[in-house]
Amino acid sequence: MTASYDAVLFDLDGVLTSTAALHASCWKSVFDQALADWNAREIRCHGEMFDPRRMNAIDREPSSDLPAGTVIEVYRSGYEWNGEVFRPAQVKVACARTAGKDHE
């Protein structure tokens, strides 16, 4: 009897996981469409140069591969509404490596 219960719980867990991912993807598309309808858009940051008018740098990471000021990670998306910043993005920015130091 125990083996059949384990199989049912395993299957149920798999169904719940798949359903949660499906719901998340559906809600994201609904949210994206609502933003477009209201003339709002996500601020593009990753790989761009840091823009203090549209972004808040909350972290930095020394890098010799990227120019200082390049956004290397987005922690929280920012949005513009009717051409003005509604919420600035929170980002991690590349900075120059300091001789003898790995991370500040």
PDB file of N, CA and C in Angstrom:
ATOM      1  N   MET A   1       0.809  -1.187   0.000  1.00  0.00           N
ATOM      2  CA  MET A   1       0.000   0.000   0.000  1.00  0.00           C
ATOM      3  C   MET A   1       0.861   1.262   0.000  1.00  0.00           C
ATOM      4  N   THR A   2       1.919   1.299   0.763  1.00  0.00           N
ATOM      5  CA  THR A   2       2.750   2.490   0.865  1.00  0.00           C
ATOM      6  C   THR A   2       3.348   2.873  -0.488  1.00  0.00           C
ATOM      7  N   ALA A   3       3.744   1.920  -1.291  1.00  0.00           N
ATOM      8  CA  ALA A   3       4.332   2.210  -2.600  1.00  0.00           C
ATOM      9  C   ALA A   3       3.347   2.960  -3.485  1.00  0.00           C
ATOM     10  N   SER A   4       2.076   2.602  -3.475  1.00  0.00           N
ATOM     11  CA  SER A   4       1.101   3.290  -4.323  1.00  0.00           C
ATOM     12  C   SER A   4       0.876   4.728  -3.839  1.00  0.00           C
ATOM     13  N   TYR A   5       0.894   4.952  -2.519  1.00  0.00           N
ATOM     14  CA  TYR A   5       0.754   6.317  -2.015  1.00  0.00           C
ATOM     15  C   TYR A   5       1.953   7.169  -2.418  1.00  0.00           C
ATOM     16  N   ASP A   6       3.154   6.613  -2.351  1.00  0.00           N
ATOM     17  CA  ASP A   6       4.343   7.361  -2.749  1.00  0.00           C
ATOM     18  C   ASP A   6       4.260   7.760  -4.217  1.00  0.00           C
ATOM     19  N   ALA A   7       3.770   6.868  -5.068  1.00  0.00           N
ATOM     20  CA  ALA A   7       3.654   7.162  -6.493  1.00  0.00           C
ATOM     21  C   ALA A   7       2.642   8.283  -6.723  1.00  0.00           C
ATOM     22  N   VAL A   8       1.527   8.253  -6.012  1.00  0.00           N
ATOM     23  CA  VAL A   8       0.506   9.285  -6.171  1.00  0.00           C
ATOM     24  C   VAL A   8       1.051  10.635  -5.717  1.00  0.00           C
ATOM     25  N   LEU A   9       1.736  10.683  -4.588  1.00  0.00           N
ATOM     26  CA  LEU A   9       2.296  11.937  -4.102  1.00  0.00           C
ATOM     27  C   LEU A   9       3.355  12.471  -5.068  1.00  0.00           C
ATOM     28  N   PHE A  10       4.152  11.577  -5.626  1.00  0.00           N
ATOM     29  CA  PHE A  10       5.175  11.997  -6.591  1.00  0.00           C
ATOM     30  C   PHE A  10       4.504  12.593  -7.829  1.00  0.00           C
ATOM     31  N   ASP A  11       3.490  11.926  -8.341  1.00  0.00           N
ATOM     32  CA  ASP A  11       2.785  12.433  -9.520  1.00  0.00           C
ATOM     33  C   ASP A  11       2.099  13.757  -9.213  1.00  0.00           C
ATOM     34  N   LEU A  12       1.469  13.857  -8.067  1.00  0.00           N
ATOM     35  CA  LEU A  12       0.791  15.087  -7.691  1.00  0.00           C
ATOM     36  C   LEU A  12       1.794  16.233  -7.573  1.00  0.00           C
ATOM     37  N   ASP A  13       2.947  15.969  -7.000  1.00  0.00           N
ATOM     38  CA  ASP A  13       3.975  16.984  -6.873  1.00  0.00           C
ATOM     39  C   ASP A  13       4.423  17.457  -8.249  1.00  0.00           C
ATOM     40  N   GLY A  14       4.608  16.536  -9.175  1.00  0.00           N
ATOM     41  CA  GLY A  14       5.010  16.899 -10.531  1.00  0.00           C
ATOM     42  C   GLY A  14       3.962  17.736 -11.230  1.00  0.00           C
ATOM     43  N   VAL A  15       2.703  17.415 -11.045  1.00  0.00           N
ATOM     44  CA  VAL A  15       1.619  18.174 -11.659  1.00  0.00           C
ATOM     45  C   VAL A  15       1.576  19.585 -11.076  1.00  0.00           C
ATOM     46  N   LEU A  16       1.707  19.711  -9.772  1.00  0.00           N
ATOM     47  CA  LEU A  16       1.685  21.031  -9.145  1.00  0.00           C
ATOM     48  C   LEU A  16       2.848  21.893  -9.627  1.00  0.00           C
ATOM     49  N   THR A  17       4.010  21.307  -9.764  1.00  0.00           N
ATOM     50  CA  THR A  17       5.171  22.051 -10.232  1.00  0.00           C
ATOM     51  C   THR A  17       4.939  22.554 -11.649  1.00  0.00           C
ATOM     52  N   SER A  18       4.456  21.693 -12.521  1.00  0.00           N
ATOM     53  CA  SER A  18       4.208  22.093 -13.906  1.00  0.00           C
ATOM     54  C   SER A  18       3.128  23.162 -13.978  1.00  0.00           C
ATOM     55  N   THR A  19       2.083  23.013 -13.188  1.00  0.00           N
ATOM     56  CA  THR A  19       0.989  23.970 -13.186  1.00  0.00           C
ATOM     57  C   THR A  19       1.473  25.339 -12.696  1.00  0.00           C
ATOM     58  N   ALA A  20       2.305  25.380 -11.672  1.00  0.00           N
ATOM     59  CA  ALA A  20       2.816  26.645 -11.151  1.00  0.00           C
ATOM     60  C   ALA A  20       3.629  27.371 -12.220  1.00  0.00           C
ATOM     61  N   ALA A  21       4.466  26.647 -12.946  1.00  0.00           N
ATOM     62  CA  ALA A  21       5.272  27.269 -14.002  1.00  0.00           C
ATOM     63  C   ALA A  21       4.373  27.811 -15.112  1.00  0.00           C
ATOM     64  N   LEU A  22       3.328  27.074 -15.460  1.00  0.00           N
ATOM     65  CA  LEU A  22       2.388  27.517 -16.488  1.00  0.00           C
ATOM     66  C   LEU A  22       1.661  28.789 -16.050  1.00  0.00           C
ATOM     67  N   HIS A  23       1.192  28.813 -14.800  1.00  0.00           N
ATOM     68  CA  HIS A  23       0.500  29.999 -14.296  1.00  0.00           C
ATOM     69  C   HIS A  23       1.426  31.215 -14.277  1.00  0.00           C
ATOM     70  N   ALA A  24       2.662  31.030 -13.861  1.00  0.00           N
ATOM     71  CA  ALA A  24       3.619  32.144 -13.813  1.00  0.00           C
ATOM     72  C   ALA A  24       3.838  32.704 -15.209  1.00  0.00           C
ATOM     73  N   SER A  25       3.985  31.840 -16.208  1.00  0.00           N
ATOM     74  CA  SER A  25       4.224  32.316 -17.561  1.00  0.00           C
ATOM     75  C   SER A  25       2.987  33.018 -18.117  1.00  0.00           C
ATOM     76  N   CYS A  26       1.797  32.520 -17.811  1.00  0.00           N
ATOM     77  CA  CYS A  26       0.557  33.169 -18.271  1.00  0.00           C
ATOM     78  C   CYS A  26       0.405  34.555 -17.635  1.00  0.00           C
ATOM     79  N   TRP A  27       0.656  34.661 -16.330  1.00  0.00           N
ATOM     80  CA  TRP A  27       0.519  35.952 -15.657  1.00  0.00           C
ATOM     81  C   TRP A  27       1.549  36.947 -16.152  1.00  0.00           C
ATOM     82  N   LYS A  28       2.755  36.483 -16.486  1.00  0.00           N
ATOM     83  CA  LYS A  28       3.775  37.385 -17.018  1.00  0.00           C
ATOM     84  C   LYS A  28       3.311  37.975 -18.339  1.00  0.00           C
ATOM     85  N   SER A  29       2.722  37.163 -19.211  1.00  0.00           N
ATOM     86  CA  SER A  29       2.252  37.700 -20.490  1.00  0.00           C
ATOM     87  C   SER A  29       1.095  38.680 -20.284  1.00  0.00           C
ATOM     88  N   VAL A  30       0.210  38.412 -19.318  1.00  0.00           N
ATOM     89  CA  VAL A  30      -0.883  39.336 -19.009  1.00  0.00           C
ATOM     90  C   VAL A  30      -0.313  40.659 -18.478  1.00  0.00           C
ATOM     91  N   PHE A  31       0.671  40.575 -17.589  1.00  0.00           N
ATOM     92  CA  PHE A  31       1.303  41.765 -17.020  1.00  0.00           C
ATOM     93  C   PHE A  31       1.996  42.579 -18.113  1.00  0.00           C
ATOM     94  N   ASP A  32       2.755  41.904 -18.992  1.00  0.00           N
ATOM     95  CA  ASP A  32       3.446  42.600 -20.071  1.00  0.00           C
ATOM     96  C   ASP A  32       2.460  43.318 -20.992  1.00  0.00           C
ATOM     97  N   GLN A  33       1.336  42.676 -21.293  1.00  0.00           N
ATOM     98  CA  GLN A  33       0.325  43.299 -22.148  1.00  0.00           C
ATOM     99  C   GLN A  33      -0.300  44.513 -21.455  1.00  0.00           C
ATOM    100  N   ALA A  34      -0.550  44.400 -20.147  1.00  0.00           N
ATOM    101  CA  ALA A  34      -1.116  45.527 -19.399  1.00  0.00           C
ATOM    102  C   ALA A  34      -0.153  46.714 -19.421  1.00  0.00           C
ATOM    103  N   LEU A  35       1.139  46.461 -19.255  1.00  0.00           N
ATOM    104  CA  LEU A  35       2.126  47.541 -19.315  1.00  0.00           C
ATOM    105  C   LEU A  35       2.093  48.225 -20.676  1.00  0.00           C
ATOM    106  N   ALA A  36       2.043  47.428 -21.730  1.00  0.00           N
ATOM    107  CA  ALA A  36       2.004  47.997 -23.083  1.00  0.00           C
ATOM    108  C   ALA A  36       0.742  48.834 -23.284  1.00  0.00           C
ATOM    109  N   ASP A  37      -0.395  48.336 -22.782  1.00  0.00           N
ATOM    110  CA  ASP A  37      -1.658  49.076 -22.911  1.00  0.00           C
ATOM    111  C   ASP A  37      -1.608  50.417 -22.183  1.00  0.00           C
ATOM    112  N   TRP A  38      -0.869  50.508 -21.098  1.00  0.00           N
ATOM    113  CA  TRP A  38      -0.770  51.730 -20.306  1.00  0.00           C
ATOM    114  C   TRP A  38       0.423  52.598 -20.701  1.00  0.00           C
ATOM    115  N   ASN A  39       1.052  52.262 -21.829  1.00  0.00           N
ATOM    116  CA  ASN A  39       2.194  53.004 -22.329  1.00  0.00           C
ATOM    117  C   ASN A  39       3.368  52.988 -21.343  1.00  0.00           C
ATOM    118  N   ALA A  40       3.566  51.857 -20.699  1.00  0.00           N
ATOM    119  CA  ALA A  40       4.699  51.670 -19.784  1.00  0.00           C
ATOM    120  C   ALA A  40       5.620  50.615 -20.383  1.00  0.00           C
ATOM    121  N   ARG A  41       6.902  50.733 -20.075  1.00  0.00           N
ATOM    122  CA  ARG A  41       7.839  49.723 -20.577  1.00  0.00           C
ATOM    123  C   ARG A  41       8.973  49.516 -19.589  1.00  0.00           C
ATOM    124  N   GLU A  42       9.534  48.321 -19.648  1.00  0.00           N
ATOM    125  CA  GLU A  42      10.654  47.980 -18.790  1.00  0.00           C
ATOM    126  C   GLU A  42      11.905  48.712 -19.279  1.00  0.00           C
ATOM    127  N   ILE A  43      12.696  49.210 -18.346  1.00  0.00           N
ATOM    128  CA  ILE A  43      13.949  49.891 -18.695  1.00  0.00           C
ATOM    129  C   ILE A  43      14.984  48.828 -19.039  1.00  0.00           C
ATOM    130  N   ARG A  44      15.546  48.938 -20.201  1.00  0.00           N
ATOM    131  CA  ARG A  44      16.571  47.989 -20.636  1.00  0.00           C
ATOM    132  C   ARG A  44      17.896  48.335 -19.947  1.00  0.00           C
ATOM    133  N   CYS A  45      18.483  47.363 -19.249  1.00  0.00           N
ATOM    134  CA  CYS A  45      19.678  47.657 -18.456  1.00  0.00           C
ATOM    135  C   CYS A  45      20.853  46.725 -18.748  1.00  0.00           C
ATOM    136  N   HIS A  46      20.604  45.428 -18.767  1.00  0.00           N
ATOM    137  CA  HIS A  46      21.689  44.445 -18.833  1.00  0.00           C
ATOM    138  C   HIS A  46      22.574  44.681 -20.053  1.00  0.00           C
ATOM    139  N   GLY A  47      23.881  44.857 -19.810  1.00  0.00           N
ATOM    140  CA  GLY A  47      24.841  45.084 -20.879  1.00  0.00           C
ATOM    141  C   GLY A  47      24.944  46.539 -21.310  1.00  0.00           C
ATOM    142  N   GLU A  48      24.088  47.390 -20.778  1.00  0.00           N
ATOM    143  CA  GLU A  48      24.093  48.817 -21.112  1.00  0.00           C
ATOM    144  C   GLU A  48      24.998  49.567 -20.138  1.00  0.00           C
ATOM    145  N   MET A  49      25.356  50.796 -20.500  1.00  0.00           N
ATOM    146  CA  MET A  49      26.112  51.644 -19.587  1.00  0.00           C
ATOM    147  C   MET A  49      25.165  52.166 -18.504  1.00  0.00           C
ATOM    148  N   PHE A  50      25.673  52.268 -17.297  1.00  0.00           N
ATOM    149  CA  PHE A  50      24.885  52.748 -16.166  1.00  0.00           C
ATOM    150  C   PHE A  50      24.358  54.157 -16.450  1.00  0.00           C
ATOM    151  N   ASP A  51      23.073  54.363 -16.204  1.00  0.00           N
ATOM    152  CA  ASP A  51      22.425  55.662 -16.380  1.00  0.00           C
ATOM    153  C   ASP A  51      21.790  56.054 -15.050  1.00  0.00           C
ATOM    154  N   PRO A  52      22.384  57.006 -14.312  1.00  0.00           N
ATOM    155  CA  PRO A  52      21.879  57.347 -12.978  1.00  0.00           C
ATOM    156  C   PRO A  52      20.475  57.952 -12.981  1.00  0.00           C
ATOM    157  N   ARG A  53      19.986  58.396 -14.132  1.00  0.00           N
ATOM    158  CA  ARG A  53      18.621  58.929 -14.200  1.00  0.00           C
ATOM    159  C   ARG A  53      17.583  57.814 -14.215  1.00  0.00           C
ATOM    160  N   ARG A  54      18.000  56.603 -14.646  1.00  0.00           N
ATOM    161  CA  ARG A  54      17.051  55.496 -14.795  1.00  0.00           C
ATOM    162  C   ARG A  54      17.398  54.277 -13.949  1.00  0.00           C
ATOM    163  N   MET A  55      18.560  54.296 -13.291  1.00  0.00           N
ATOM    164  CA  MET A  55      19.030  53.126 -12.551  1.00  0.00           C
ATOM    165  C   MET A  55      19.630  53.531 -11.210  1.00  0.00           C
ATOM    166  N   ASN A  56      19.533  52.633 -10.225  1.00  0.00           N
ATOM    167  CA  ASN A  56      20.231  52.766  -8.944  1.00  0.00           C
ATOM    168  C   ASN A  56      21.261  51.651  -8.873  1.00  0.00           C
ATOM    169  N   ALA A  57      22.522  52.008  -8.693  1.00  0.00           N
ATOM    170  CA  ALA A  57      23.577  51.003  -8.538  1.00  0.00           C
ATOM    171  C   ALA A  57      23.602  50.583  -7.073  1.00  0.00           C
ATOM    172  N   ILE A  58      23.229  49.345  -6.808  1.00  0.00           N
ATOM    173  CA  ILE A  58      23.213  48.879  -5.421  1.00  0.00           C
ATOM    174  C   ILE A  58      24.340  47.902  -5.142  1.00  0.00           C
ATOM    175  N   ASP A  59      25.122  47.573  -6.178  1.00  0.00           N
ATOM    176  CA  ASP A  59      26.251  46.671  -6.012  1.00  0.00           C
ATOM    177  C   ASP A  59      27.227  46.940  -7.145  1.00  0.00           C
ATOM    178  N   ARG A  60      28.476  46.581  -6.938  1.00  0.00           N
ATOM    179  CA  ARG A  60      29.476  46.695  -7.997  1.00  0.00           C
ATOM    180  C   ARG A  60      30.403  45.499  -7.929  1.00  0.00           C
ATOM    181  N   GLU A  61      31.019  45.218  -9.059  1.00  0.00           N
ATOM    182  CA  GLU A  61      31.917  44.065  -9.147  1.00  0.00           C
ATOM    183  C   GLU A  61      33.097  44.429 -10.034  1.00  0.00           C
ATOM    184  N   PRO A  62      34.325  44.260  -9.515  1.00  0.00           N
ATOM    185  CA  PRO A  62      35.503  44.539 -10.335  1.00  0.00           C
ATOM    186  C   PRO A  62      35.549  43.600 -11.546  1.00  0.00           C
ATOM    187  N   SER A  63      35.891  44.156 -12.689  1.00  0.00           N
ATOM    188  CA  SER A  63      35.956  43.360 -13.911  1.00  0.00           C
ATOM    189  C   SER A  63      37.024  43.921 -14.833  1.00  0.00           C
ATOM    190  N   SER A  64      37.824  43.030 -15.384  1.00  0.00           N
ATOM    191  CA  SER A  64      38.793  43.460 -16.392  1.00  0.00           C
ATOM    192  C   SER A  64      38.256  43.157 -17.792  1.00  0.00           C
ATOM    193  N   ASP A  65      37.131  42.440 -17.873  1.00  0.00           N
ATOM    194  CA  ASP A  65      36.543  42.073 -19.160  1.00  0.00           C
ATOM    195  C   ASP A  65      35.568  43.119 -19.688  1.00  0.00           C
ATOM    196  N   LEU A  66      34.962  43.894 -18.801  1.00  0.00           N
ATOM    197  CA  LEU A  66      33.945  44.868 -19.198  1.00  0.00           C
ATOM    198  C   LEU A  66      34.382  46.277 -18.848  1.00  0.00           C
ATOM    199  N   PRO A  67      33.958  47.253 -19.623  1.00  0.00           N
ATOM    200  CA  PRO A  67      34.268  48.648 -19.263  1.00  0.00           C
ATOM    201  C   PRO A  67      33.577  49.044 -17.963  1.00  0.00           C
ATOM    202  N   ALA A  68      34.240  49.872 -17.181  1.00  0.00           N
ATOM    203  CA  ALA A  68      33.635  50.358 -15.935  1.00  0.00           C
ATOM    204  C   ALA A  68      32.326  51.060 -16.268  1.00  0.00           C
ATOM    205  N   GLY A  69      31.297  50.778 -15.467  1.00  0.00           N
ATOM    206  CA  GLY A  69      29.993  51.393 -15.680  1.00  0.00           C
ATOM    207  C   GLY A  69      29.012  50.528 -16.453  1.00  0.00           C
ATOM    208  N   THR A  70      29.442  49.343 -16.891  1.00  0.00           N
ATOM    209  CA  THR A  70      28.547  48.439 -17.607  1.00  0.00           C
ATOM    210  C   THR A  70      27.675  47.687 -16.607  1.00  0.00           C
ATOM    211  N   VAL A  71      26.377  47.631 -16.867  1.00  0.00           N
ATOM    212  CA  VAL A  71      25.452  46.891 -16.002  1.00  0.00           C
ATOM    213  C   VAL A  71      25.651  45.401 -16.263  1.00  0.00           C
ATOM    214  N   ILE A  72      25.989  44.648 -15.193  1.00  0.00           N
ATOM    215  CA  ILE A  72      26.234  43.221 -15.357  1.00  0.00           C
ATOM    216  C   ILE A  72      25.134  42.340 -14.757  1.00  0.00           C
ATOM    217  N   GLU A  73      24.259  42.940 -13.939  1.00  0.00           N
ATOM    218  CA  GLU A  73      23.150  42.177 -13.385  1.00  0.00           C
ATOM    219  C   GLU A  73      22.030  43.134 -12.985  1.00  0.00           C
ATOM    220  N   VAL A  74      20.801  42.685 -13.195  1.00  0.00           N
ATOM    221  CA  VAL A  74      19.634  43.478 -12.806  1.00  0.00           C
ATOM    222  C   VAL A  74      18.975  42.775 -11.627  1.00  0.00           C
ATOM    223  N   TYR A  75      18.917  43.448 -10.480  1.00  0.00           N
ATOM    224  CA  TYR A  75      18.288  42.875  -9.295  1.00  0.00           C
ATOM    225  C   TYR A  75      16.778  43.107  -9.289  1.00  0.00           C
ATOM    226  N   ARG A  76      16.355  44.278  -9.745  1.00  0.00           N
ATOM    227  CA  ARG A  76      14.931  44.595  -9.817  1.00  0.00           C
ATOM    228  C   ARG A  76      14.711  45.455 -11.056  1.00  0.00           C
ATOM    229  N   SER A  77      13.789  45.041 -11.888  1.00  0.00           N
ATOM    230  CA  SER A  77      13.514  45.776 -13.120  1.00  0.00           C
ATOM    231  C   SER A  77      12.961  47.161 -12.800  1.00  0.00           C
ATOM    232  N   GLY A  78      13.299  48.093 -13.672  1.00  0.00           N
ATOM    233  CA  GLY A  78      12.750  49.431 -13.584  1.00  0.00           C
ATOM    234  C   GLY A  78      11.776  49.651 -14.729  1.00  0.00           C
ATOM    235  N   TYR A  79      10.925  50.662 -14.586  1.00  0.00           N
ATOM    236  CA  TYR A  79       9.907  50.922 -15.601  1.00  0.00           C
ATOM    237  C   TYR A  79       9.805  52.396 -15.906  1.00  0.00           C
ATOM    238  N   GLU A  80       9.509  52.703 -17.161  1.00  0.00           N
ATOM    239  CA  GLU A  80       9.208  54.053 -17.606  1.00  0.00           C
ATOM    240  C   GLU A  80       7.739  54.099 -17.981  1.00  0.00           C
ATOM    241  N   TRP A  81       7.115  55.219 -17.704  1.00  0.00           N
ATOM    242  CA  TRP A  81       5.706  55.387 -18.026  1.00  0.00           C
ATOM    243  C   TRP A  81       5.554  56.739 -18.705  1.00  0.00           C
ATOM    244  N   ASN A  82       5.033  56.720 -19.906  1.00  0.00           N
ATOM    245  CA  ASN A  82       4.886  57.935 -20.714  1.00  0.00           C
ATOM    246  C   ASN A  82       6.208  58.697 -20.837  1.00  0.00           C
ATOM    247  N   GLY A  83       7.306  57.949 -20.991  1.00  0.00           N
ATOM    248  CA  GLY A  83       8.615  58.559 -21.207  1.00  0.00           C
ATOM    249  C   GLY A  83       9.336  59.032 -19.963  1.00  0.00           C
ATOM    250  N   GLU A  84       8.739  58.848 -18.784  1.00  0.00           N
ATOM    251  CA  GLU A  84       9.383  59.250 -17.533  1.00  0.00           C
ATOM    252  C   GLU A  84       9.604  58.034 -16.646  1.00  0.00           C
ATOM    253  N   VAL A  85      10.640  58.084 -15.822  1.00  0.00           N
ATOM    254  CA  VAL A  85      10.946  56.962 -14.935  1.00  0.00           C
ATOM    255  C   VAL A  85       9.864  56.848 -13.872  1.00  0.00           C
ATOM    256  N   PHE A  86       9.233  55.689 -13.848  1.00  0.00           N
ATOM    257  CA  PHE A  86       8.215  55.395 -12.829  1.00  0.00           C
ATOM    258  C   PHE A  86       8.871  54.720 -11.635  1.00  0.00           C
ATOM    259  N   ARG A  87       9.786  53.778 -11.915  1.00  0.00           N
ATOM    260  CA  ARG A  87      10.561  53.103 -10.873  1.00  0.00           C
ATOM    261  C   ARG A  87      11.932  52.803 -11.457  1.00  0.00           C
ATOM    262  N   PRO A  88      13.019  53.314 -10.846  1.00  0.00           N
ATOM    263  CA  PRO A  88      14.357  53.024 -11.370  1.00  0.00           C
ATOM    264  C   PRO A  88      14.734  51.558 -11.153  1.00  0.00           C
ATOM    265  N   ALA A  89      15.549  51.048 -12.052  1.00  0.00           N
ATOM    266  CA  ALA A  89      16.040  49.675 -11.931  1.00  0.00           C
ATOM    267  C   ALA A  89      17.134  49.630 -10.867  1.00  0.00           C
ATOM    268  N   GLN A  90      17.240  48.491 -10.188  1.00  0.00           N
ATOM    269  CA  GLN A  90      18.327  48.275  -9.231  1.00  0.00           C
ATOM    270  C   GLN A  90      19.304  47.301  -9.884  1.00  0.00           C
ATOM    271  N   VAL A  91      20.565  47.728 -10.007  1.00  0.00           N
ATOM    272  CA  VAL A  91      21.525  46.980 -10.811  1.00  0.00           C
ATOM    273  C   VAL A  91      22.882  46.809 -10.128  1.00  0.00           C
ATOM    274  N   LYS A  92      23.643  45.854 -10.661  1.00  0.00           N
ATOM    275  CA  LYS A  92      25.053  45.674 -10.287  1.00  0.00           C
ATOM    276  C   LYS A  92      25.874  46.188 -11.464  1.00  0.00           C
ATOM    277  N   VAL A  93      26.899  46.983 -11.159  1.00  0.00           N
ATOM    278  CA  VAL A  93      27.692  47.643 -12.189  1.00  0.00           C
ATOM    279  C   VAL A  93      29.147  47.187 -12.115  1.00  0.00           C
ATOM    280  N   ALA A  94      29.767  47.009 -13.287  1.00  0.00           N
ATOM    281  CA  ALA A  94      31.188  46.662 -13.354  1.00  0.00           C
ATOM    282  C   ALA A  94      32.012  47.885 -12.982  1.00  0.00           C
ATOM    283  N   CYS A  95      33.114  47.637 -12.265  1.00  0.00           N
ATOM    284  CA  CYS A  95      34.061  48.715 -11.955  1.00  0.00           C
ATOM    285  C   CYS A  95      35.461  48.203 -12.264  1.00  0.00           C
ATOM    286  N   ALA A  96      36.404  49.130 -12.365  1.00  0.00           N
ATOM    287  CA  ALA A  96      37.774  48.764 -12.676  1.00  0.00           C
ATOM    288  C   ALA A  96      38.397  47.974 -11.534  1.00  0.00           C
ATOM    289  N   ARG A  97      39.212  47.001 -11.882  1.00  0.00           N
ATOM    290  CA  ARG A  97      39.941  46.257 -10.857  1.00  0.00           C
ATOM    291  C   ARG A  97      41.006  47.146 -10.246  1.00  0.00           C
ATOM    292  N   THR A  98      41.164  47.038  -8.931  1.00  0.00           N
ATOM    293  CA  THR A  98      42.206  47.782  -8.229  1.00  0.00           C
ATOM    294  C   THR A  98      43.376  46.841  -8.022  1.00  0.00           C
ATOM    295  N   ALA A  99      44.572  47.314  -8.296  1.00  0.00           N
ATOM    296  CA  ALA A  99      45.760  46.482  -8.146  1.00  0.00           C
ATOM    297  C   ALA A  99      45.874  45.943  -6.733  1.00  0.00           C
ATOM    298  N   GLY A 100      45.995  44.642  -6.608  1.00  0.00           N
ATOM    299  CA  GLY A 100      46.160  44.009  -5.303  1.00  0.00           C
ATOM    300  C   GLY A 100      44.890  43.713  -4.567  1.00  0.00           C
ATOM    301  N   LYS A 101      43.719  44.081  -5.133  1.00  0.00           N
ATOM    302  CA  LYS A 101      42.447  43.812  -4.477  1.00  0.00           C
ATOM    303  C   LYS A 101      41.548  43.038  -5.429  1.00  0.00           C
ATOM    304  N   ASP A 102      40.874  42.007  -4.902  1.00  0.00           N
ATOM    305  CA  ASP A 102      39.954  41.229  -5.727  1.00  0.00           C
ATOM    306  C   ASP A 102      38.563  41.821  -5.726  1.00  0.00           C
ATOM    307  N   HIS A 103      38.112  42.341  -4.566  1.00  0.00           N
ATOM    308  CA  HIS A 103      36.743  42.866  -4.472  1.00  0.00           C
ATOM    309  C   HIS A 103      36.686  43.906  -3.362  1.00  0.00           C
ATOM    310  N   GLU A 104      36.024  44.995  -3.639  1.00  0.00           N
ATOM    311  CA  GLU A 104      35.885  46.044  -2.623  1.00  0.00           C
ATOM    312  C   GLU A 104      34.597  45.924  -1.902  1.00  0.00           C
TER     313      GLU A 104
END
